[in-house]
Amino acid sequence: MKLLSVEILAGEIVVGSADLRSADPTMGVAYAIFRPGPAYDARRHARGTEQQVLDTSPTPLEARTLAGARLKCASVDLEDFSETLGDEGREVWILGLEDFQIHFD
């Protein structure tokens, strides 16, 4: 399975990284375990955590390839349940990814 390595950004600040894999090509959905960086703050960047579920106004996030190309997509969402699930409990979801086949074929 082909993976797409990306950085996750809040504005111009890198908050972490991930190796995306295809989840639903017809809907342009990809996901990965999120690896947080020093600037990551679950209260500001995650849509859901153990303490808050479905935050309607997390900091807007973007994804870019390691070559610096920003991914065109409908949204980038983080869920962080690492308090109970450990590092595997942090996931990033890319929804409505344009040019999906270019990235995952």
N, C-alpha and C. Protein backbone atom coordinates (compact mmCIF):
# COMPACT_ATOMS: atom_id res chain seq x y z
N MET A 1 0.84 -1.18 0.00
CA MET A 1 0.00 0.00 0.00
C MET A 1 0.89 1.24 0.00
N LYS A 2 0.59 2.16 -0.89
CA LYS A 2 1.36 3.39 -0.99
C LYS A 2 1.00 4.34 0.14
N LEU A 3 2.02 4.95 0.74
CA LEU A 3 1.83 5.94 1.80
C LEU A 3 2.27 7.30 1.29
N LEU A 4 1.64 8.35 1.81
CA LEU A 4 1.98 9.72 1.48
C LEU A 4 2.42 10.40 2.77
N SER A 5 3.70 10.73 2.87
CA SER A 5 4.22 11.40 4.06
C SER A 5 3.92 12.89 3.98
N VAL A 6 3.34 13.42 5.07
CA VAL A 6 2.93 14.82 5.11
C VAL A 6 3.30 15.45 6.44
N GLU A 7 3.33 16.77 6.42
CA GLU A 7 3.40 17.57 7.64
C GLU A 7 2.03 18.18 7.85
N ILE A 8 1.61 18.31 9.09
CA ILE A 8 0.34 18.94 9.42
C ILE A 8 0.65 20.32 9.98
N LEU A 9 -0.03 21.33 9.43
CA LEU A 9 0.24 22.71 9.81
C LEU A 9 -0.99 23.40 10.39
N ALA A 10 -0.74 24.27 11.34
CA ALA A 10 -1.74 25.22 11.85
C ALA A 10 -1.19 26.58 11.44
N GLY A 11 -1.76 27.16 10.40
CA GLY A 11 -1.17 28.36 9.81
C GLY A 11 0.15 27.95 9.16
N GLU A 12 1.23 28.61 9.54
CA GLU A 12 2.55 28.27 9.00
C GLU A 12 3.37 27.42 9.97
N ILE A 13 2.77 27.02 11.08
CA ILE A 13 3.48 26.26 12.11
C ILE A 13 3.22 24.76 11.94
N VAL A 14 4.29 23.99 11.84
CA VAL A 14 4.17 22.53 11.74
C VAL A 14 3.84 22.00 13.13
N VAL A 15 2.70 21.32 13.25
CA VAL A 15 2.29 20.75 14.54
C VAL A 15 2.54 19.25 14.62
N GLY A 16 2.89 18.62 13.48
CA GLY A 16 3.17 17.20 13.50
C GLY A 16 3.29 16.65 12.10
N SER A 17 3.33 15.32 12.03
CA SER A 17 3.50 14.66 10.74
C SER A 17 2.71 13.36 10.73
N ALA A 18 2.61 12.77 9.53
CA ALA A 18 1.86 11.52 9.38
C ALA A 18 2.22 10.87 8.05
N ASP A 19 1.98 9.57 7.97
CA ASP A 19 2.13 8.83 6.72
C ASP A 19 0.73 8.37 6.31
N LEU A 20 0.10 9.16 5.44
CA LEU A 20 -1.28 8.91 5.05
C LEU A 20 -1.42 7.65 4.21
N ARG A 21 -2.55 6.99 4.40
CA ARG A 21 -2.92 5.85 3.57
C ARG A 21 -4.36 6.05 3.10
N SER A 22 -4.69 5.43 2.01
CA SER A 22 -6.02 5.54 1.43
C SER A 22 -7.05 4.91 2.36
N ALA A 23 -8.17 5.61 2.55
CA ALA A 23 -9.28 5.06 3.34
C ALA A 23 -10.52 4.88 2.47
N ASP A 24 -10.86 5.89 1.68
CA ASP A 24 -12.03 5.82 0.81
C ASP A 24 -11.75 6.67 -0.43
N PRO A 25 -11.21 6.05 -1.47
CA PRO A 25 -10.86 6.80 -2.68
C PRO A 25 -12.03 7.55 -3.30
N THR A 26 -13.22 6.98 -3.26
CA THR A 26 -14.36 7.64 -3.91
C THR A 26 -14.73 8.95 -3.22
N MET A 27 -14.44 9.06 -1.95
CA MET A 27 -14.73 10.29 -1.19
C MET A 27 -13.47 11.12 -0.95
N GLY A 28 -12.32 10.65 -1.43
CA GLY A 28 -11.08 11.38 -1.23
C GLY A 28 -10.64 11.41 0.21
N VAL A 29 -10.80 10.29 0.92
CA VAL A 29 -10.47 10.22 2.34
C VAL A 29 -9.18 9.43 2.55
N ALA A 30 -8.28 10.02 3.33
CA ALA A 30 -7.04 9.36 3.73
C ALA A 30 -6.87 9.56 5.23
N TYR A 31 -6.12 8.67 5.87
CA TYR A 31 -5.93 8.77 7.31
C TYR A 31 -4.56 8.25 7.69
N ALA A 32 -4.15 8.56 8.92
CA ALA A 32 -2.88 8.06 9.44
C ALA A 32 -2.82 8.27 10.95
N ILE A 33 -1.89 7.57 11.57
CA ILE A 33 -1.54 7.88 12.95
C ILE A 33 -0.78 9.20 12.91
N PHE A 34 -1.18 10.13 13.74
CA PHE A 34 -0.57 11.46 13.80
C PHE A 34 0.59 11.44 14.78
N ARG A 35 1.72 11.96 14.34
CA ARG A 35 2.90 12.10 15.20
C ARG A 35 3.03 13.57 15.58
N PRO A 36 2.72 13.93 16.82
CA PRO A 36 2.75 15.34 17.21
C PRO A 36 4.18 15.87 17.28
N GLY A 37 4.32 17.15 16.99
CA GLY A 37 5.58 17.86 17.14
C GLY A 37 5.52 18.76 18.36
N PRO A 38 6.58 19.51 18.62
CA PRO A 38 6.63 20.38 19.80
C PRO A 38 5.54 21.44 19.86
N ALA A 39 5.05 21.90 18.70
CA ALA A 39 4.03 22.97 18.68
C ALA A 39 2.61 22.44 18.83
N TYR A 40 2.43 21.12 18.88
CA TYR A 40 1.09 20.54 18.96
C TYR A 40 0.46 20.75 20.32
N ASP A 41 -0.82 21.15 20.31
CA ASP A 41 -1.61 21.32 21.53
C ASP A 41 -2.99 20.72 21.24
N ALA A 42 -3.28 19.60 21.84
CA ALA A 42 -4.55 18.91 21.57
C ALA A 42 -5.76 19.80 21.80
N ARG A 43 -5.70 20.67 22.79
CA ARG A 43 -6.86 21.54 23.07
C ARG A 43 -7.14 22.52 21.94
N ARG A 44 -6.11 22.87 21.19
CA ARG A 44 -6.29 23.83 20.08
C ARG A 44 -6.40 23.16 18.72
N HIS A 45 -5.76 22.02 18.55
CA HIS A 45 -5.65 21.45 17.21
C HIS A 45 -6.54 20.24 16.95
N ALA A 46 -6.98 19.54 17.98
CA ALA A 46 -7.79 18.33 17.78
C ALA A 46 -9.28 18.65 17.81
N ARG A 47 -10.01 17.97 16.94
CA ARG A 47 -11.47 18.12 16.94
C ARG A 47 -12.10 17.30 18.07
N GLY A 48 -11.45 16.22 18.46
CA GLY A 48 -11.97 15.41 19.55
C GLY A 48 -10.84 14.88 20.40
N THR A 49 -11.05 14.90 21.72
CA THR A 49 -10.11 14.33 22.69
C THR A 49 -10.93 13.68 23.79
N GLU A 50 -10.25 13.12 24.78
CA GLU A 50 -10.98 12.57 25.92
C GLU A 50 -11.78 13.65 26.64
N GLN A 51 -11.25 14.88 26.67
CA GLN A 51 -11.89 15.98 27.39
C GLN A 51 -12.95 16.71 26.57
N GLN A 52 -12.79 16.73 25.26
CA GLN A 52 -13.75 17.43 24.42
C GLN A 52 -14.05 16.58 23.19
N VAL A 53 -15.27 16.54 22.81
CA VAL A 53 -15.65 15.76 21.65
C VAL A 53 -16.28 16.70 20.62
N LEU A 54 -15.84 16.54 19.38
CA LEU A 54 -16.37 17.31 18.27
C LEU A 54 -16.34 18.81 18.51
N ASP A 55 -15.15 19.32 18.80
CA ASP A 55 -14.95 20.76 18.90
C ASP A 55 -15.30 21.35 17.54
N THR A 56 -16.19 22.31 17.51
CA THR A 56 -16.62 22.89 16.24
C THR A 56 -15.69 23.98 15.74
N SER A 57 -14.70 24.37 16.54
CA SER A 57 -13.83 25.45 16.10
C SER A 57 -12.36 25.23 16.45
N PRO A 58 -11.80 24.05 16.12
CA PRO A 58 -10.37 23.90 16.35
C PRO A 58 -9.62 24.79 15.36
N THR A 59 -8.36 25.04 15.64
CA THR A 59 -7.54 25.81 14.72
C THR A 59 -7.56 25.13 13.35
N PRO A 60 -7.82 25.87 12.28
CA PRO A 60 -7.82 25.24 10.95
C PRO A 60 -6.45 24.62 10.64
N LEU A 61 -6.48 23.43 10.10
CA LEU A 61 -5.25 22.71 9.79
C LEU A 61 -5.12 22.49 8.29
N GLU A 62 -3.88 22.32 7.85
CA GLU A 62 -3.58 21.99 6.47
C GLU A 62 -2.55 20.88 6.47
N ALA A 63 -2.40 20.25 5.32
CA ALA A 63 -1.37 19.22 5.15
C ALA A 63 -0.53 19.59 3.94
N ARG A 64 0.77 19.28 4.03
CA ARG A 64 1.65 19.49 2.88
C ARG A 64 2.60 18.31 2.77
N THR A 65 2.98 18.04 1.55
CA THR A 65 3.94 16.96 1.32
C THR A 65 5.30 17.38 1.86
N LEU A 66 6.20 16.43 1.99
CA LEU A 66 7.54 16.76 2.46
C LEU A 66 8.29 17.63 1.45
N ALA A 67 7.82 17.62 0.19
CA ALA A 67 8.40 18.48 -0.84
C ALA A 67 7.84 19.91 -0.76
N GLY A 68 6.86 20.13 0.12
CA GLY A 68 6.32 21.47 0.34
C GLY A 68 5.03 21.80 -0.38
N ALA A 69 4.44 20.85 -1.11
CA ALA A 69 3.18 21.10 -1.82
C ALA A 69 2.00 20.94 -0.87
N ARG A 70 1.17 21.95 -0.77
CA ARG A 70 -0.02 21.87 0.07
C ARG A 70 -1.06 20.98 -0.58
N LEU A 71 -1.70 20.12 0.22
CA LEU A 71 -2.74 19.25 -0.30
C LEU A 71 -4.03 20.04 -0.42
N LYS A 72 -4.69 19.92 -1.56
CA LYS A 72 -5.99 20.55 -1.76
C LYS A 72 -7.04 19.57 -1.27
N CYS A 73 -7.78 19.98 -0.23
CA CYS A 73 -8.78 19.08 0.35
C CYS A 73 -9.86 19.91 1.03
N ALA A 74 -10.95 19.23 1.40
CA ALA A 74 -12.05 19.90 2.10
C ALA A 74 -11.69 20.20 3.55
N SER A 75 -10.99 19.27 4.22
CA SER A 75 -10.60 19.52 5.61
C SER A 75 -9.53 18.54 6.08
N VAL A 76 -8.84 18.97 7.12
CA VAL A 76 -7.86 18.15 7.82
C VAL A 76 -8.32 18.12 9.27
N ASP A 77 -8.59 16.94 9.80
CA ASP A 77 -9.10 16.81 11.17
C ASP A 77 -8.22 15.89 11.99
N LEU A 78 -8.04 16.27 13.25
CA LEU A 78 -7.30 15.45 14.21
C LEU A 78 -8.22 14.97 15.31
N GLU A 79 -8.02 13.74 15.72
CA GLU A 79 -8.67 13.20 16.92
C GLU A 79 -7.55 12.70 17.81
N ASP A 80 -7.60 13.04 19.08
CA ASP A 80 -6.52 12.67 19.99
C ASP A 80 -7.09 11.99 21.23
N PHE A 81 -7.03 10.67 21.23
CA PHE A 81 -7.45 9.88 22.38
C PHE A 81 -6.26 9.14 22.96
N SER A 82 -5.09 9.79 22.88
CA SER A 82 -3.84 9.18 23.33
C SER A 82 -3.77 8.99 24.83
N GLU A 83 -4.56 9.74 25.57
CA GLU A 83 -4.56 9.59 27.03
C GLU A 83 -4.98 8.18 27.43
N THR A 84 -5.92 7.62 26.69
CA THR A 84 -6.38 6.26 27.01
C THR A 84 -5.83 5.21 26.04
N LEU A 85 -5.48 5.61 24.81
CA LEU A 85 -5.05 4.63 23.81
C LEU A 85 -3.55 4.70 23.47
N GLY A 86 -2.83 5.62 24.06
CA GLY A 86 -1.41 5.77 23.75
C GLY A 86 -1.22 6.46 22.40
N ASP A 87 0.00 6.38 21.87
CA ASP A 87 0.33 7.08 20.64
C ASP A 87 -0.56 6.67 19.46
N GLU A 88 -1.04 5.45 19.45
CA GLU A 88 -1.92 4.97 18.38
C GLU A 88 -3.28 5.66 18.43
N GLY A 89 -3.57 6.37 19.49
CA GLY A 89 -4.86 7.04 19.65
C GLY A 89 -4.92 8.43 19.03
N ARG A 90 -3.86 8.84 18.34
CA ARG A 90 -3.86 10.13 17.63
C ARG A 90 -4.01 9.85 16.14
N GLU A 91 -5.09 10.34 15.54
CA GLU A 91 -5.31 10.12 14.12
C GLU A 91 -5.55 11.43 13.40
N VAL A 92 -5.07 11.50 12.17
CA VAL A 92 -5.36 12.63 11.30
C VAL A 92 -6.17 12.08 10.12
N TRP A 93 -7.19 12.84 9.73
CA TRP A 93 -8.06 12.46 8.62
C TRP A 93 -8.06 13.59 7.60
N ILE A 94 -7.83 13.24 6.36
CA ILE A 94 -7.88 14.19 5.25
C ILE A 94 -9.17 13.87 4.50
N LEU A 95 -10.04 14.84 4.35
CA LEU A 95 -11.34 14.62 3.72
C LEU A 95 -11.42 15.42 2.42
N GLY A 96 -11.99 14.80 1.40
CA GLY A 96 -12.19 15.48 0.13
C GLY A 96 -10.88 15.84 -0.56
N LEU A 97 -9.92 14.95 -0.52
CA LEU A 97 -8.61 15.21 -1.13
C LEU A 97 -8.72 15.23 -2.65
N GLU A 98 -8.36 16.36 -3.23
CA GLU A 98 -8.34 16.48 -4.69
C GLU A 98 -7.16 15.69 -5.24
N ASP A 99 -7.27 15.25 -6.47
CA ASP A 99 -6.19 14.49 -7.12
C ASP A 99 -5.79 13.27 -6.30
N PHE A 100 -6.75 12.62 -5.71
CA PHE A 100 -6.52 11.47 -4.83
C PHE A 100 -5.67 10.41 -5.53
N GLN A 101 -6.01 10.08 -6.78
CA GLN A 101 -5.31 9.02 -7.48
C GLN A 101 -3.85 9.34 -7.71
N ILE A 102 -3.52 10.61 -7.90
CA ILE A 102 -2.12 11.00 -8.08
C ILE A 102 -1.30 10.64 -6.85
N HIS A 103 -1.88 10.82 -5.68
CA HIS A 103 -1.17 10.58 -4.44
C HIS A 103 -1.10 9.11 -4.05
N PHE A 104 -2.10 8.32 -4.46
CA PHE A 104 -2.19 6.95 -3.95
C PHE A 104 -2.16 5.85 -5.02
N ASP A 105 -1.90 6.18 -6.27
CA ASP A 105 -1.76 5.14 -7.30
C ASP A 105 -0.33 4.68 -7.40
